[in-house]
Protein backbone atom coordinates (compact mmCIF):
# COMPACT_ATOMS: atom_id res chain seq x y z
CA MET A 1 169.06 58.07 37.65
CA PRO A 2 165.28 59.59 37.96
CA ARG A 3 163.78 61.30 35.42
CA PRO A 4 160.94 63.46 35.00
CA GLY A 5 158.07 62.12 33.12
CA PRO A 6 156.92 63.56 29.83
CA ARG A 7 155.18 66.84 30.26
CA LYS A 8 151.51 67.28 29.15
CA ILE A 9 150.51 69.59 26.49
CA GLU A 10 147.09 70.92 27.24
CA LYS A 11 144.20 72.43 24.84
CA PRO A 12 141.67 74.36 26.01
CA LYS A 13 138.65 73.18 27.52
CA ASN A 14 136.58 76.63 26.48
CA PRO A 15 137.91 78.21 24.15
CA ILE A 16 135.32 80.38 23.41
CA LYS A 17 134.59 80.85 27.79
CA THR A 18 138.43 81.66 27.95
CA PHE A 19 138.86 84.00 24.64
CA LYS A 20 135.84 86.15 26.91
CA LYS A 21 137.71 86.28 29.83
CA ILE A 22 140.75 87.61 27.69
CA PHE A 23 138.49 89.87 26.22
CA THR A 24 137.91 91.40 29.59
CA PHE A 25 141.54 92.46 29.98
CA VAL A 26 142.19 93.01 25.89
CA GLY A 27 138.79 95.12 26.40
CA LYS A 28 140.18 97.68 28.48
CA TYR A 29 142.01 99.65 24.79
CA LYS A 30 138.47 99.43 22.95
CA TRP A 31 139.42 102.90 21.52
CA GLN A 32 142.43 101.32 20.57
CA LEU A 33 141.42 98.37 19.40
CA LEU A 34 139.12 99.89 17.12
CA VAL A 35 141.81 102.31 15.75
CA VAL A 36 144.13 98.99 15.05
CA VAL A 37 141.09 97.10 13.41
CA LEU A 38 140.86 100.11 10.92
CA ALA A 39 144.55 100.63 10.36
CA THR A 40 144.37 96.98 9.40
CA ILE A 41 141.43 97.62 7.29
CA GLY A 42 142.91 100.63 5.78
CA ALA A 43 146.61 98.50 5.10
CA VAL A 44 144.99 95.35 3.33
CA GLY A 45 142.70 97.65 1.30
CA ALA A 46 145.69 100.15 0.42
CA ASN A 47 147.14 96.99 -0.82
CA LEU A 48 144.38 95.63 -2.75
CA GLY A 49 143.79 98.68 -3.85
CA GLY A 50 146.91 99.57 -5.60
CA THR A 51 147.08 96.04 -7.10
CA TYR A 52 143.68 97.14 -8.65
CA LEU A 53 144.51 100.26 -9.52
CA MET A 54 147.79 98.94 -11.69
CA GLN A 55 144.89 97.96 -14.14
CA GLY A 56 144.27 101.24 -14.84
CA ALA A 57 147.89 101.62 -15.52
CA LEU A 58 148.89 98.41 -17.89
CA SER A 59 145.86 99.44 -19.92
CA ILE A 60 147.53 103.06 -20.57
CA ILE A 61 150.62 101.52 -22.12
CA GLU A 62 148.67 98.42 -23.59
CA ASN A 63 146.47 101.02 -25.24
CA PHE A 64 149.37 103.52 -26.58
CA ASP A 65 148.58 103.88 -30.10
CA VAL A 66 151.62 106.59 -31.62
CA THR A 67 148.76 108.11 -34.01
CA LYS A 68 145.84 109.42 -32.04
CA ALA A 69 148.18 110.74 -28.91
CA THR A 70 151.55 112.37 -28.46
CA LEU A 71 154.15 110.39 -26.12
CA ASP A 72 154.16 112.94 -23.59
CA GLU A 73 150.63 113.14 -23.12
CA THR A 74 150.38 109.29 -22.45
CA LEU A 75 153.46 109.66 -20.09
CA LEU A 76 151.76 112.31 -18.24
CA LEU A 77 148.80 110.08 -17.81
CA LEU A 78 150.90 107.27 -16.56
CA GLY A 79 152.65 109.29 -14.63
CA GLY A 80 149.63 110.41 -12.42
CA GLN A 81 148.06 106.77 -12.55
CA VAL A 82 151.31 105.49 -11.13
CA GLY A 83 151.90 108.77 -8.63
CA ILE A 84 148.34 107.56 -7.10
CA ILE A 85 149.18 104.09 -6.69
CA ILE A 86 152.30 104.92 -4.58
CA ALA A 87 150.42 107.58 -2.76
CA VAL A 88 147.96 103.89 -1.58
CA TYR A 89 150.92 102.17 -1.16
CA LEU A 90 152.38 105.08 1.72
CA VAL A 91 148.80 104.87 3.37
CA GLY A 92 149.45 101.45 3.63
CA ILE A 93 152.64 101.83 5.48
CA VAL A 94 151.32 104.13 7.76
CA CYS A 95 148.17 101.73 8.40
CA SER A 96 150.04 99.13 9.30
CA VAL A 97 153.30 101.25 11.78
CA LEU A 98 150.15 102.58 13.53
CA SER A 99 148.43 99.53 13.74
CA SER A 100 151.62 97.81 15.23
CA ARG A 101 152.52 100.67 17.17
CA LEU A 102 149.03 99.97 18.90
CA VAL A 103 148.93 95.99 19.09
CA LEU A 104 152.50 96.65 21.39
CA ASN A 105 151.17 99.41 23.72
CA ILE A 106 147.87 96.58 23.62
CA GLN A 107 149.97 93.44 24.43
CA THR A 108 152.30 95.15 26.88
CA GLY A 109 149.41 96.83 28.85
CA THR A 110 147.04 93.78 28.77
CA LEU A 111 150.97 91.11 29.96
CA ARG A 112 150.88 93.86 32.85
CA ALA A 113 147.18 93.56 34.03
CA PHE A 114 147.44 89.94 34.02
CA ARG A 115 150.62 89.91 36.28
CA GLU A 116 148.83 92.25 38.58
CA ALA A 117 145.87 90.87 39.06
CA MET A 118 148.03 87.44 39.33
CA PHE A 119 149.77 88.70 42.17
CA GLU A 120 146.88 90.60 43.98
CA LYS A 121 145.58 87.08 43.99
CA MET A 122 148.07 85.16 44.83
CA GLU A 123 149.04 87.37 47.87
CA LYS A 124 145.43 86.49 49.17
CA LEU A 125 145.83 83.07 49.09
CA PRO A 126 145.51 80.62 51.64
CA ILE A 127 148.93 78.66 52.61
CA LYS A 128 147.27 75.38 51.71
CA TYR A 129 147.49 76.54 48.31
CA PHE A 130 151.26 76.88 48.01
CA ASP A 131 151.72 73.93 50.06
CA THR A 132 150.53 71.53 46.90
CA ARG A 133 151.76 73.00 44.39
CA THR A 134 155.64 73.46 43.21
CA ASN A 135 157.10 76.66 43.11
CA GLY A 136 158.05 75.69 38.99
CA GLU A 137 154.23 75.50 38.51
CA ILE A 138 153.85 78.52 40.12
CA MET A 139 155.86 80.56 38.00
CA ALA A 140 154.90 78.70 34.54
CA ARG A 141 151.96 80.84 34.99
CA TYR A 142 153.65 84.57 34.93
CA THR A 143 156.47 83.13 32.11
CA THR A 144 155.29 80.09 29.73
CA ASP A 145 151.48 80.69 29.99
CA THR A 146 151.83 84.82 29.76
CA ASP A 147 154.10 84.89 27.13
CA ALA A 148 151.89 82.57 24.73
CA ILE A 149 149.16 84.60 25.80
CA ARG A 150 151.33 88.43 24.48
CA GLU A 151 152.48 85.52 20.60
CA MET A 152 148.71 85.30 20.15
CA ILE A 153 148.03 89.20 21.16
CA SER A 154 151.03 90.67 19.07
CA ASN A 155 151.04 87.88 16.18
CA GLY A 156 148.15 85.41 16.34
CA ILE A 157 145.46 87.39 16.46
CA PRO A 158 146.10 90.19 14.25
CA GLN A 159 147.50 88.07 11.67
CA ILE A 160 144.48 86.24 11.53
CA ILE A 161 141.80 89.07 11.30
CA ASN A 162 145.08 90.73 8.58
CA SER A 163 144.41 87.20 6.43
CA THR A 164 140.87 87.01 6.78
CA LEU A 165 140.94 90.27 5.55
CA THR A 166 143.04 89.66 2.80
CA VAL A 167 141.48 86.58 1.50
CA ILE A 168 138.06 87.95 1.32
CA GLY A 169 139.51 90.61 -0.08
CA ALA A 170 141.29 89.45 -3.11
CA PHE A 171 138.60 87.07 -3.26
CA THR A 172 136.25 89.77 -4.47
CA VAL A 173 138.65 91.71 -6.54
CA MET A 174 139.14 88.68 -8.04
CA LEU A 175 135.37 88.00 -9.28
CA ILE A 176 135.51 91.97 -10.51
CA PHE A 177 138.52 91.17 -12.47
CA SER A 178 137.17 88.02 -13.83
CA PRO A 179 134.54 85.38 -12.49
CA LEU A 180 136.31 82.20 -14.95
CA LEU A 181 139.72 82.72 -14.03
CA THR A 182 138.85 83.43 -10.03
CA LEU A 183 137.41 79.40 -10.36
CA PHE A 184 141.04 77.96 -11.71
CA VAL A 185 141.78 79.88 -8.79
CA ILE A 186 139.61 78.12 -5.74
CA GLY A 187 140.59 74.72 -7.49
CA MET A 188 144.52 75.60 -7.15
CA LEU A 189 143.31 76.51 -3.33
CA ILE A 190 141.10 73.20 -2.60
CA LEU A 191 144.69 71.24 -3.48
CA MET A 192 146.63 73.70 -1.60
CA LEU A 193 144.09 73.22 1.55
CA ILE A 194 144.28 69.57 1.32
CA ALA A 195 148.05 69.23 1.62
CA VAL A 196 147.68 71.62 4.83
CA THR A 197 145.28 69.45 6.34
CA VAL A 198 147.62 66.81 5.89
CA VAL A 199 151.49 67.45 6.13
CA GLY A 200 150.24 70.03 8.65
CA GLY A 201 148.27 67.79 10.63
CA LYS A 202 150.65 65.27 11.19
CA GLY A 203 153.77 68.25 11.98
CA SER A 204 150.93 69.64 14.80
CA LYS A 205 151.76 65.76 16.24
CA TYR A 206 155.05 66.03 16.07
CA PHE A 207 155.10 69.95 17.75
CA ILE A 208 153.32 68.68 20.79
CA LYS A 209 155.65 65.53 21.09
CA GLN A 210 158.47 68.79 20.80
CA GLN A 211 157.28 71.06 23.18
CA ALA A 212 157.05 67.57 25.85
CA SER A 213 160.47 66.63 25.26
CA LEU A 214 161.74 70.24 25.21
CA GLY A 215 159.64 70.83 28.90
CA THR A 216 161.20 67.41 30.15
CA VAL A 217 164.74 68.29 29.13
CA ASN A 218 164.41 72.02 30.77
CA GLY A 219 162.84 69.60 33.64
CA TYR A 220 165.80 68.13 34.12
CA ILE A 221 168.46 70.91 33.30
CA GLU A 222 166.96 72.72 36.51
CA GLU A 223 166.31 69.55 38.79
CA TYR A 224 170.45 68.79 38.42
CA ILE A 225 171.11 72.37 38.45
CA SER A 226 169.65 72.65 41.98
CA GLY A 227 171.45 69.30 43.04
CA GLN A 228 174.31 69.93 41.61
CA LYS A 229 176.07 69.68 44.98
CA VAL A 230 174.59 66.20 45.61
CA VAL A 231 175.32 65.16 42.24
CA GLN A 232 179.49 65.63 43.18
CA VAL A 233 179.40 64.13 46.32
CA PHE A 234 178.16 60.92 45.01
CA CYS A 235 179.94 60.66 41.62
CA ARG A 236 177.23 60.77 39.96
CA GLU A 237 178.06 62.88 36.63
CA GLU A 238 178.40 60.13 34.39
CA LYS A 239 175.40 58.49 35.55
CA VAL A 240 173.28 62.33 34.97
CA LYS A 241 175.33 62.72 31.63
CA GLU A 242 173.09 59.41 30.84
CA GLY A 243 169.74 60.27 31.82
CA PHE A 244 170.39 63.45 29.73
CA ASN A 245 171.54 62.82 26.49
CA GLU A 246 169.19 59.93 26.40
CA LEU A 247 166.16 63.25 26.93
CA ASN A 248 168.34 65.26 24.46
CA GLU A 249 168.32 62.49 22.10
CA ASP A 250 164.49 61.80 22.37
CA LEU A 251 164.05 65.76 22.21
CA CYS A 252 166.14 65.65 18.87
CA LYS A 253 164.23 63.10 17.02
CA THR A 254 160.85 64.80 17.73
CA ALA A 255 162.55 68.15 16.53
CA THR A 256 163.54 66.62 13.30
CA SER A 257 160.44 65.37 12.49
CA ALA A 258 158.33 68.31 13.63
CA GLN A 259 160.65 70.89 11.45
CA SER A 260 160.66 68.44 8.97
CA PHE A 261 156.86 68.96 8.20
CA ALA A 262 157.10 72.36 8.58
CA HIS A 263 160.25 72.93 6.16
CA ILE A 264 157.99 70.48 3.56
CA LEU A 265 155.39 72.41 4.39
CA MET A 266 156.43 75.66 3.09
CA PRO A 267 158.06 74.43 -0.22
CA ILE A 268 155.13 72.24 -0.81
CA MET A 269 152.38 75.09 -0.62
CA GLY A 270 155.30 77.77 -2.97
CA ASN A 271 155.34 75.46 -5.28
CA LEU A 272 151.51 74.53 -5.51
CA SER A 273 151.75 78.63 -5.68
CA TYR A 274 154.00 78.68 -8.72
CA ILE A 275 151.54 76.37 -10.40
CA ASN A 276 148.73 78.11 -9.36
CA TYR A 277 150.07 80.78 -10.79
CA VAL A 278 151.31 79.26 -14.29
CA VAL A 279 147.77 78.06 -14.44
CA THR A 280 146.02 80.77 -13.61
CA ALA A 281 148.70 82.51 -16.30
CA VAL A 282 147.81 80.19 -19.40
CA ALA A 283 143.79 80.03 -18.71
CA GLY A 284 144.15 83.95 -18.39
CA ALA A 285 146.20 84.08 -22.12
CA ILE A 286 143.60 81.44 -23.87
CA LEU A 287 141.02 83.53 -22.63
CA ILE A 288 142.57 86.68 -23.82
CA ILE A 289 143.18 84.40 -27.19
CA ASN A 290 139.48 84.30 -27.44
CA GLY A 291 138.73 87.89 -26.03
CA LYS A 292 136.45 86.50 -22.98
CA LEU A 293 138.78 88.33 -20.69
CA GLU A 294 138.20 91.69 -20.79
CA GLY A 295 141.14 94.50 -20.33
CA GLY A 296 142.92 91.51 -21.75
CA VAL A 297 147.16 91.35 -20.35
CA ALA A 298 146.05 94.62 -18.16
CA THR A 299 143.40 92.71 -16.34
CA LEU A 300 145.42 89.37 -16.32
CA ILE A 301 148.88 90.69 -14.37
CA PRO A 302 146.84 92.20 -11.09
CA PHE A 303 144.77 88.95 -11.44
CA LEU A 304 147.96 86.69 -10.82
CA ASN A 305 149.21 89.37 -8.21
CA LEU A 306 146.00 88.80 -6.29
CA SER A 307 145.86 84.93 -6.56
CA ARG A 308 149.13 84.81 -4.56
CA GLN A 309 147.69 87.19 -2.12
CA PHE A 310 144.12 85.12 -1.91
CA SER A 311 146.80 81.67 -0.92
CA MET A 312 149.32 82.67 0.84
CA PRO A 313 147.10 84.45 3.57
CA LEU A 314 145.28 80.85 4.44
CA THR A 315 148.34 79.07 4.76
CA GLN A 316 149.24 81.89 7.60
CA ILE A 317 146.14 81.34 9.25
CA SER A 318 146.23 78.03 9.84
CA GLN A 319 150.00 78.37 11.46
CA GLN A 320 148.29 80.31 13.77
CA PHE A 321 145.88 78.12 14.96
CA ASN A 322 149.05 75.74 17.38
CA GLY A 323 150.08 78.90 18.82
CA ILE A 324 146.27 80.65 19.67
CA LEU A 325 145.17 77.20 21.21
CA SER A 326 148.42 76.77 23.53
CA ALA A 327 147.64 80.49 24.57
CA LEU A 328 143.95 79.76 25.67
CA ALA A 329 145.00 76.66 27.46
CA GLY A 330 148.24 78.90 29.50
CA ALA A 331 145.02 81.23 29.75
CA GLU A 332 142.58 78.92 31.30
CA ARG A 333 145.45 77.65 33.94
CA ILE A 334 145.51 81.46 34.55
CA PHE A 335 142.02 82.45 35.30
CA ALA A 336 142.01 79.19 37.05
CA LEU A 337 144.50 80.57 39.39
CA MET A 338 143.05 83.89 39.63
CA GLU A 339 139.46 82.34 40.97
CA GLU A 340 140.75 80.38 43.39
CA GLU A 341 138.83 81.40 46.55
CA PRO A 342 141.03 83.93 48.67
CA GLU A 343 142.08 83.21 52.18
CA VAL A 344 138.62 83.05 54.25
CA ASP A 345 138.90 85.71 57.44
CA GLU A 346 135.77 86.61 59.31
CA GLY A 347 137.49 87.64 62.24
CA TYR A 348 136.14 90.99 63.74
CA VAL A 349 138.62 91.29 66.92
CA THR A 350 141.10 93.69 66.43
CA LEU A 351 144.53 94.97 67.85
CA VAL A 352 144.73 98.10 69.36
CA ASN A 353 147.13 100.59 70.72
CA ALA A 354 145.96 100.45 74.50
CA HIS A 355 146.57 102.32 77.44
CA ILE A 356 146.39 100.01 81.05
CA ASP A 357 146.74 101.89 83.97
CA GLU A 358 148.05 100.74 87.50
CA ASN A 359 144.44 98.98 88.04
CA GLY A 360 144.77 97.03 84.62
CA VAL A 361 141.80 98.97 83.13
CA VAL A 362 142.24 98.97 79.37
CA THR A 363 141.93 101.80 77.20
CA GLU A 364 142.52 102.87 73.90
CA CYS A 365 144.45 105.35 72.22
CA GLU A 366 145.86 106.31 68.92
CA GLU A 367 149.57 107.08 70.04
CA HIS A 368 151.64 103.66 69.93
CA THR A 369 152.68 102.90 73.48
CA GLY A 370 154.16 99.75 73.49
CA GLN A 371 151.08 97.84 74.46
CA TRP A 372 148.49 96.15 73.19
CA ALA A 373 144.81 94.91 73.41
CA TRP A 374 142.64 93.07 71.56
CA LYS A 375 139.29 95.07 70.43
CA HIS A 376 136.00 92.63 70.97
CA PHE A 377 133.02 93.76 69.64
CA HIS A 378 129.76 91.89 71.30
CA LYS A 379 127.27 90.94 68.43
CA ALA A 380 125.20 89.78 70.94
CA ASP A 381 124.73 93.06 73.43
CA GLY A 382 126.49 95.56 71.13
CA THR A 383 129.10 95.86 73.93
CA THR A 384 132.64 96.14 73.23
CA THR A 385 135.52 94.89 75.47
CA TYR A 386 138.93 95.39 75.76
CA VAL A 387 141.94 92.38 77.40
CA GLN A 388 145.52 93.04 77.54
CA LEU A 389 147.61 91.37 74.81
CA ARG A 390 149.59 89.00 77.15
CA GLY A 391 150.07 85.72 74.78
CA ALA A 392 147.92 82.89 76.46
CA VAL A 393 147.72 80.03 74.27
CA GLU A 394 145.17 76.91 74.75
CA PHE A 395 144.51 74.31 72.83
CA GLU A 396 141.16 72.14 73.85
CA ASN A 397 140.93 69.16 72.33
CA VAL A 398 142.17 70.16 68.63
CA THR A 399 141.65 67.69 66.03
CA PHE A 400 143.02 68.21 62.32
CA GLY A 401 143.92 67.24 58.72
CA TYR A 402 145.37 68.95 55.79
CA GLU A 403 143.69 65.85 53.97
CA GLU A 404 139.70 64.45 54.68
CA ASN A 405 140.41 61.27 55.64
CA LYS A 406 144.12 61.62 56.76
CA THR A 407 144.39 63.35 60.76
CA VAL A 408 147.44 65.22 61.36
CA LEU A 409 146.10 65.73 64.95
CA LYS A 410 144.09 63.46 67.22
CA ASN A 411 142.56 65.74 70.36
CA VAL A 412 145.56 67.67 71.15
CA SER A 413 145.36 69.81 73.99
CA LEU A 414 147.88 72.18 75.96
CA TYR A 415 148.14 75.66 77.15
CA ALA A 416 150.80 77.69 77.85
CA LYS A 417 149.94 80.55 80.39
CA PRO A 418 152.22 84.27 79.21
CA GLY A 419 155.59 84.17 79.60
CA GLN A 420 156.17 80.47 79.34
CA LYS A 421 158.71 78.51 76.69
CA ILE A 422 156.36 75.46 75.42
CA ALA A 423 158.84 72.67 73.99
CA LEU A 424 157.36 70.42 70.98
CA VAL A 425 159.61 67.38 70.24
CA GLY A 426 158.90 63.93 68.51
CA SER A 427 159.51 62.69 65.18
CA THR A 428 159.38 64.06 61.62
CA GLY A 429 155.62 64.13 60.87
CA ALA A 430 154.44 63.87 64.25
CA GLY A 431 152.67 67.34 63.97
CA LYS A 432 154.98 69.87 65.88
CA THR A 433 155.04 72.56 63.10
CA THR A 434 151.19 71.66 62.23
CA ILE A 435 150.59 73.37 65.80
CA THR A 436 152.50 76.07 65.26
CA ASN A 437 150.21 77.05 61.80
CA LEU A 438 147.32 76.28 63.78
CA ILE A 439 147.90 79.22 66.16
CA ASN A 440 148.57 81.56 63.27
CA ARG A 441 145.90 80.73 61.30
CA PHE A 442 147.54 79.25 58.41
CA TYR A 443 144.44 76.56 58.58
CA ASP A 444 141.45 76.34 60.44
CA VAL A 445 140.81 73.76 62.94
CA PRO A 446 137.66 71.77 61.95
CA ASP A 447 137.25 70.42 65.57
CA GLY A 448 137.92 71.70 68.90
CA LYS A 449 139.18 75.03 69.77
CA ILE A 450 141.90 77.27 69.90
CA ARG A 451 141.73 80.38 72.07
CA TYR A 452 144.34 83.60 72.20
CA ASP A 453 144.17 85.82 75.99
CA GLY A 454 140.51 83.62 76.25
CA ILE A 455 139.09 84.81 72.41
CA ASN A 456 139.13 81.81 70.04
CA ILE A 457 141.06 82.33 67.45
CA ASN A 458 138.62 82.02 64.95
CA LYS A 459 136.61 85.37 66.25
CA ILE A 460 140.68 87.61 65.79
CA LYS A 461 141.35 89.48 62.85
CA LYS A 462 144.15 87.19 60.88
CA ASP A 463 146.70 89.84 60.13
CA ASP A 464 145.71 91.52 63.99
CA LEU A 465 146.52 87.41 65.03
CA ARG A 466 149.69 87.43 63.06
CA ARG A 467 150.46 90.86 63.61
CA SER A 468 151.11 89.75 67.62
CA LEU A 469 153.01 86.76 66.61
CA ALA A 470 156.83 86.49 65.23
CA MET A 471 158.43 83.03 63.92
CA VAL A 472 161.87 81.84 63.02
CA LEU A 473 162.15 79.16 60.64
CA GLN A 474 164.01 76.03 59.97
CA ASP A 475 164.14 77.08 56.18
CA THR A 476 165.34 80.75 56.18
CA HIS A 477 163.97 83.23 53.74
CA LEU A 478 165.71 86.75 53.09
CA PHE A 479 164.64 89.14 50.08
CA THR A 480 166.93 90.67 47.78
CA GLY A 481 167.87 94.01 49.49
CA THR A 482 170.08 95.10 52.79
CA VAL A 483 170.63 93.86 55.91
CA ARG A 484 168.64 97.12 56.97
CA GLU A 485 165.77 96.06 55.07
CA ASN A 486 165.70 92.57 56.00
CA ILE A 487 165.39 92.99 59.78
CA ARG A 488 163.12 96.20 59.32
CA TYR A 489 160.53 93.19 57.48
CA GLY A 490 159.82 92.63 61.22
CA ASN A 491 158.52 95.94 61.71
CA LEU A 492 158.64 98.27 59.01
CA ASN A 493 158.28 101.23 61.65
CA ALA A 494 161.15 100.32 63.48
CA THR A 495 164.20 103.20 63.68
CA ASP A 496 168.02 102.42 62.81
CA GLU A 497 168.42 101.75 66.31
CA GLN A 498 166.04 99.38 67.03
CA ILE A 499 167.61 97.28 64.00
CA GLU A 500 170.76 97.18 65.21
CA GLU A 501 169.48 96.33 68.90
CA ALA A 502 167.64 93.68 67.69
CA ALA A 503 171.18 92.17 66.00
CA LYS A 504 172.50 93.12 68.61
CA LEU A 505 169.98 91.00 71.04
CA ALA A 506 170.42 87.69 68.32
CA ASN A 507 174.32 88.23 68.45
CA ALA A 508 174.13 89.00 64.67
CA HIS A 509 175.49 92.37 64.82
CA SER A 510 179.25 91.55 64.91
CA PHE A 511 179.37 89.69 61.40
CA ILE A 512 177.11 92.68 59.81
CA MET A 513 180.06 95.27 60.71
CA LEU A 514 182.32 93.25 59.09
CA MET A 515 180.33 93.18 55.83
CA PRO A 516 181.56 95.57 53.54
CA ASP A 517 179.30 97.83 54.05
CA GLY A 518 177.43 97.00 57.23
CA TYR A 519 174.01 97.28 57.70
CA ASP A 520 173.80 98.27 54.08
CA THR A 521 175.35 96.20 52.17
CA ILE A 522 172.84 94.22 49.54
CA ILE A 523 172.03 90.46 50.22
CA ASN A 524 171.53 88.04 47.74
CA ALA A 525 168.53 86.44 46.54
CA ASP A 526 167.61 84.32 49.43
CA GLY A 527 170.87 85.23 51.04
CA SER A 528 173.08 83.29 49.21
CA ASN A 529 175.88 85.72 50.34
CA LEU A 530 175.74 84.33 53.67
CA SER A 531 176.64 80.95 55.65
CA GLN A 532 173.16 79.29 56.73
CA GLY A 533 174.00 80.34 60.12
CA GLN A 534 174.23 83.67 59.64
CA ARG A 535 170.75 83.93 57.52
CA GLN A 536 168.80 81.95 60.75
CA LEU A 537 170.52 84.92 62.69
CA LEU A 538 169.13 87.86 60.96
CA ALA A 539 166.12 86.13 60.64
CA ILE A 540 166.35 85.64 64.72
CA ALA A 541 166.80 89.84 64.29
CA ARG A 542 163.43 89.67 62.64
CA ALA A 543 161.75 88.50 64.98
CA ALA A 544 163.47 90.40 67.42
CA VAL A 545 162.29 93.92 65.96
CA ALA A 546 158.53 92.82 65.95
CA ASP A 547 158.82 92.75 69.74
CA PRO A 548 156.03 90.33 70.05
CA PRO A 549 154.44 88.85 72.56
CA VAL A 550 154.12 85.53 71.36
CA LEU A 551 157.70 83.92 69.69
CA ILE A 552 157.35 80.20 67.15
CA LEU A 553 160.76 78.92 67.27
CA ASP A 554 160.76 75.81 64.68
CA GLU A 555 164.19 74.60 64.53
CA ALA A 556 165.80 78.19 64.88
CA THR A 557 168.96 77.23 65.60
CA SER A 558 169.06 73.96 63.48
CA SER A 559 172.11 74.82 60.73
CA ILE A 560 174.23 77.07 63.50
CA ASP A 561 176.84 75.27 64.80
CA THR A 562 177.26 74.61 68.61
CA ARG A 563 179.51 77.61 69.27
CA THR A 564 177.37 80.08 67.55
CA GLU A 565 174.23 78.69 69.56
CA ALA A 566 176.19 79.19 72.43
CA LEU A 567 176.54 83.20 71.98
CA ILE A 568 173.49 83.50 70.82
CA GLU A 569 171.86 81.41 73.99
CA GLN A 570 171.87 84.98 76.25
CA GLY A 571 170.53 87.18 73.67
CA MET A 572 167.81 84.51 73.30
CA ASP A 573 166.91 83.92 76.49
CA LYS A 574 166.22 87.52 76.63
CA LEU A 575 163.96 88.23 73.57
CA MET A 576 162.20 85.16 74.86
CA GLU A 577 162.01 86.92 78.12
CA GLY A 578 158.23 87.80 79.16
CA ARG A 579 157.40 86.29 75.97
CA THR A 580 154.85 83.10 75.46
CA VAL A 581 157.35 81.01 73.31
CA PHE A 582 156.60 77.69 71.44
CA VAL A 583 160.01 75.74 70.35
CA ILE A 584 160.35 72.97 67.95
CA ALA A 585 164.08 71.56 68.28
CA HIS A 586 165.56 68.19 67.05
CA ARG A 587 168.33 69.08 69.82
CA LEU A 588 166.80 68.38 73.06
CA SER A 589 170.08 70.28 74.96
CA THR A 590 167.81 73.93 73.64
CA VAL A 591 164.82 72.53 75.20
CA ARG A 592 166.12 71.43 79.04
CA ASN A 593 165.03 74.75 80.32
CA SER A 594 161.87 75.14 79.04
CA ASN A 595 158.42 75.32 81.38
CA ALA A 596 156.56 72.58 79.80
CA ILE A 597 157.79 69.90 77.02
CA MET A 598 155.14 68.55 74.76
CA VAL A 599 156.40 65.08 73.33
CA ILE A 600 154.58 64.69 70.45
CA GLU A 601 154.17 60.82 68.60
CA GLN A 602 151.59 60.67 65.68
CA GLY A 603 149.53 63.61 66.21
CA GLU A 604 148.79 62.60 70.36
CA ILE A 605 150.93 64.53 72.92
CA ILE A 606 151.89 61.59 74.87
CA GLU A 607 154.25 62.53 77.26
CA ARG A 608 154.01 66.53 78.99
CA GLY A 609 156.09 67.61 82.05
CA ASN A 610 159.73 70.08 81.85
CA HIS A 611 162.85 68.23 81.57
CA ASP A 612 163.43 67.02 85.24
CA GLN A 613 159.86 65.62 85.44
CA LEU A 614 160.32 63.72 81.61
CA ILE A 615 163.56 62.36 82.66
CA GLU A 616 162.38 61.24 85.94
CA LYS A 617 159.24 59.11 84.20
CA ARG A 618 161.59 57.36 82.11
CA GLY A 619 159.51 56.91 79.18
CA ARG A 620 160.12 58.31 76.11
CA TYR A 621 161.53 61.39 76.33
CA TYR A 622 164.23 59.88 78.39
CA GLN A 623 164.62 57.74 75.92
CA LEU A 624 165.13 60.42 73.50
CA TYR A 625 166.92 62.58 75.79
CA ASN A 626 169.78 60.06 76.54
CA GLY A 627 169.98 58.75 72.86
CA MET A 628 168.60 55.65 72.48
CA PHE A 629 166.46 56.57 69.63
CA GLU A 630 167.05 59.45 67.17
CA LEU A 631 164.97 61.94 66.32
CA SER A 632 164.31 61.92 62.74
């Protein structure tokens, strides 16, 4: 069974530059960030301050002398000191809560801004971007990559700030207490850092392998969930399970290795911390005996607490780096999406409402008249002319390829007069769909010209050009919402009556009325609760409600059975009446009544004419129509 290759775990290529870009989003919360830093300083300061003040409380107990002071006075003094310590710790709690709450605001707001920026940019990208990437690859920007950034903002960076401040503060207080004892702590710290470097380095390697294996397993599961019908049709369940078990075993081994090092590191660090504690305690006791530790036991006890506070943050800092590197790598992929070149539109000819009198004179108007015109501003002389939107399409020596040095269309010339039905037939990959993609300006032609109502389509604004067209594709796409909303997608200003008329035209009305809530029935994601034929009927209704002068049908009836196709034939004829129609079809019976049929092979039109003319030629179309060759 085929199995996906291992997923590559990337490291950031330019972490500093990427971090600065992230900060342009986080920087919108600069005042909250300032409060977070101040609150973190307050929390760390309170924690260290409470430990430092402990020396005063212990000194009161250590220096208590029954002969010189009463017990009540000592308890009162001690109670005051303990009260101060408690107050300091309470301030630390308030600062910690405030910091955590503000970090949550910053994190959620930043991710919202990231997703908004990505989605806004995605809507401006050319079709080529989506044709050259998988849906999963694009979705990963919104899920895996943003989640890594979330983890860095909510845990990684705050933990590093907190740990760094704790290390600096603890080291400073320890030096105040005893520079000599601080040297013992630093010595043990060097051993701990060596352990982190050796064990953590090996664990990091296995962690990367674990993430790669996990990605591979998830990809395998996703692939075979979507292809479960194929698996069962060909009885490949056992083979699929064998492939999964093999990948799962790899994941188990790498995860065991990664987790082993992770679980080894913490006990090592914990025990080294205890050794550090014991060594420091013994060294402190020796210093006390020799009278070289000012404050004695009252200094040693808080110093021991500080030594723990000093060593543990260093381990926490090292553990956060992998997560931060992962987040920066994800952020680079997100910014790569945001920095993609948007779809270029240099068109200046626009589509306007028009009034056309009996003499054919076109006048622009504000109200909707049902008539349209191209408003063409001529840069050369500053004049403006109006051309009635009629739907005449002409290709003149068009050569095109999706990639350099890989031509798909070669010197294609064709024309469609208003109201004509043009059929494009030929093998898969011949270039039929490419022609319709060029009419929509999903791609621009490098050689040759395409004219629409006599105007070079490169001069027409893309939105206006596409508003004058409607497409019904082989792979229909419906959105989550009601049947009515999905049909209205073709014309957001359509009334309920117009929606029902469009559905009747496409012969969709009868099955819609049999649904639980009729036109208000909710359609699941991509119409999963409808048959393929029903989905295509709704797509045809959506095109009908748009009422365009040009209609493109790309295998629009491929998933409709012959009986259903016959039922909608009359409706389709009404839909196509008076419109320029481009039809791509494998069923040649559906194109017999076309005004012109273009037979395309390897990017060239090898035959053209109506059905009778092409049958009479007894060429490629004749062979296809009589089943001598199969369209694939």
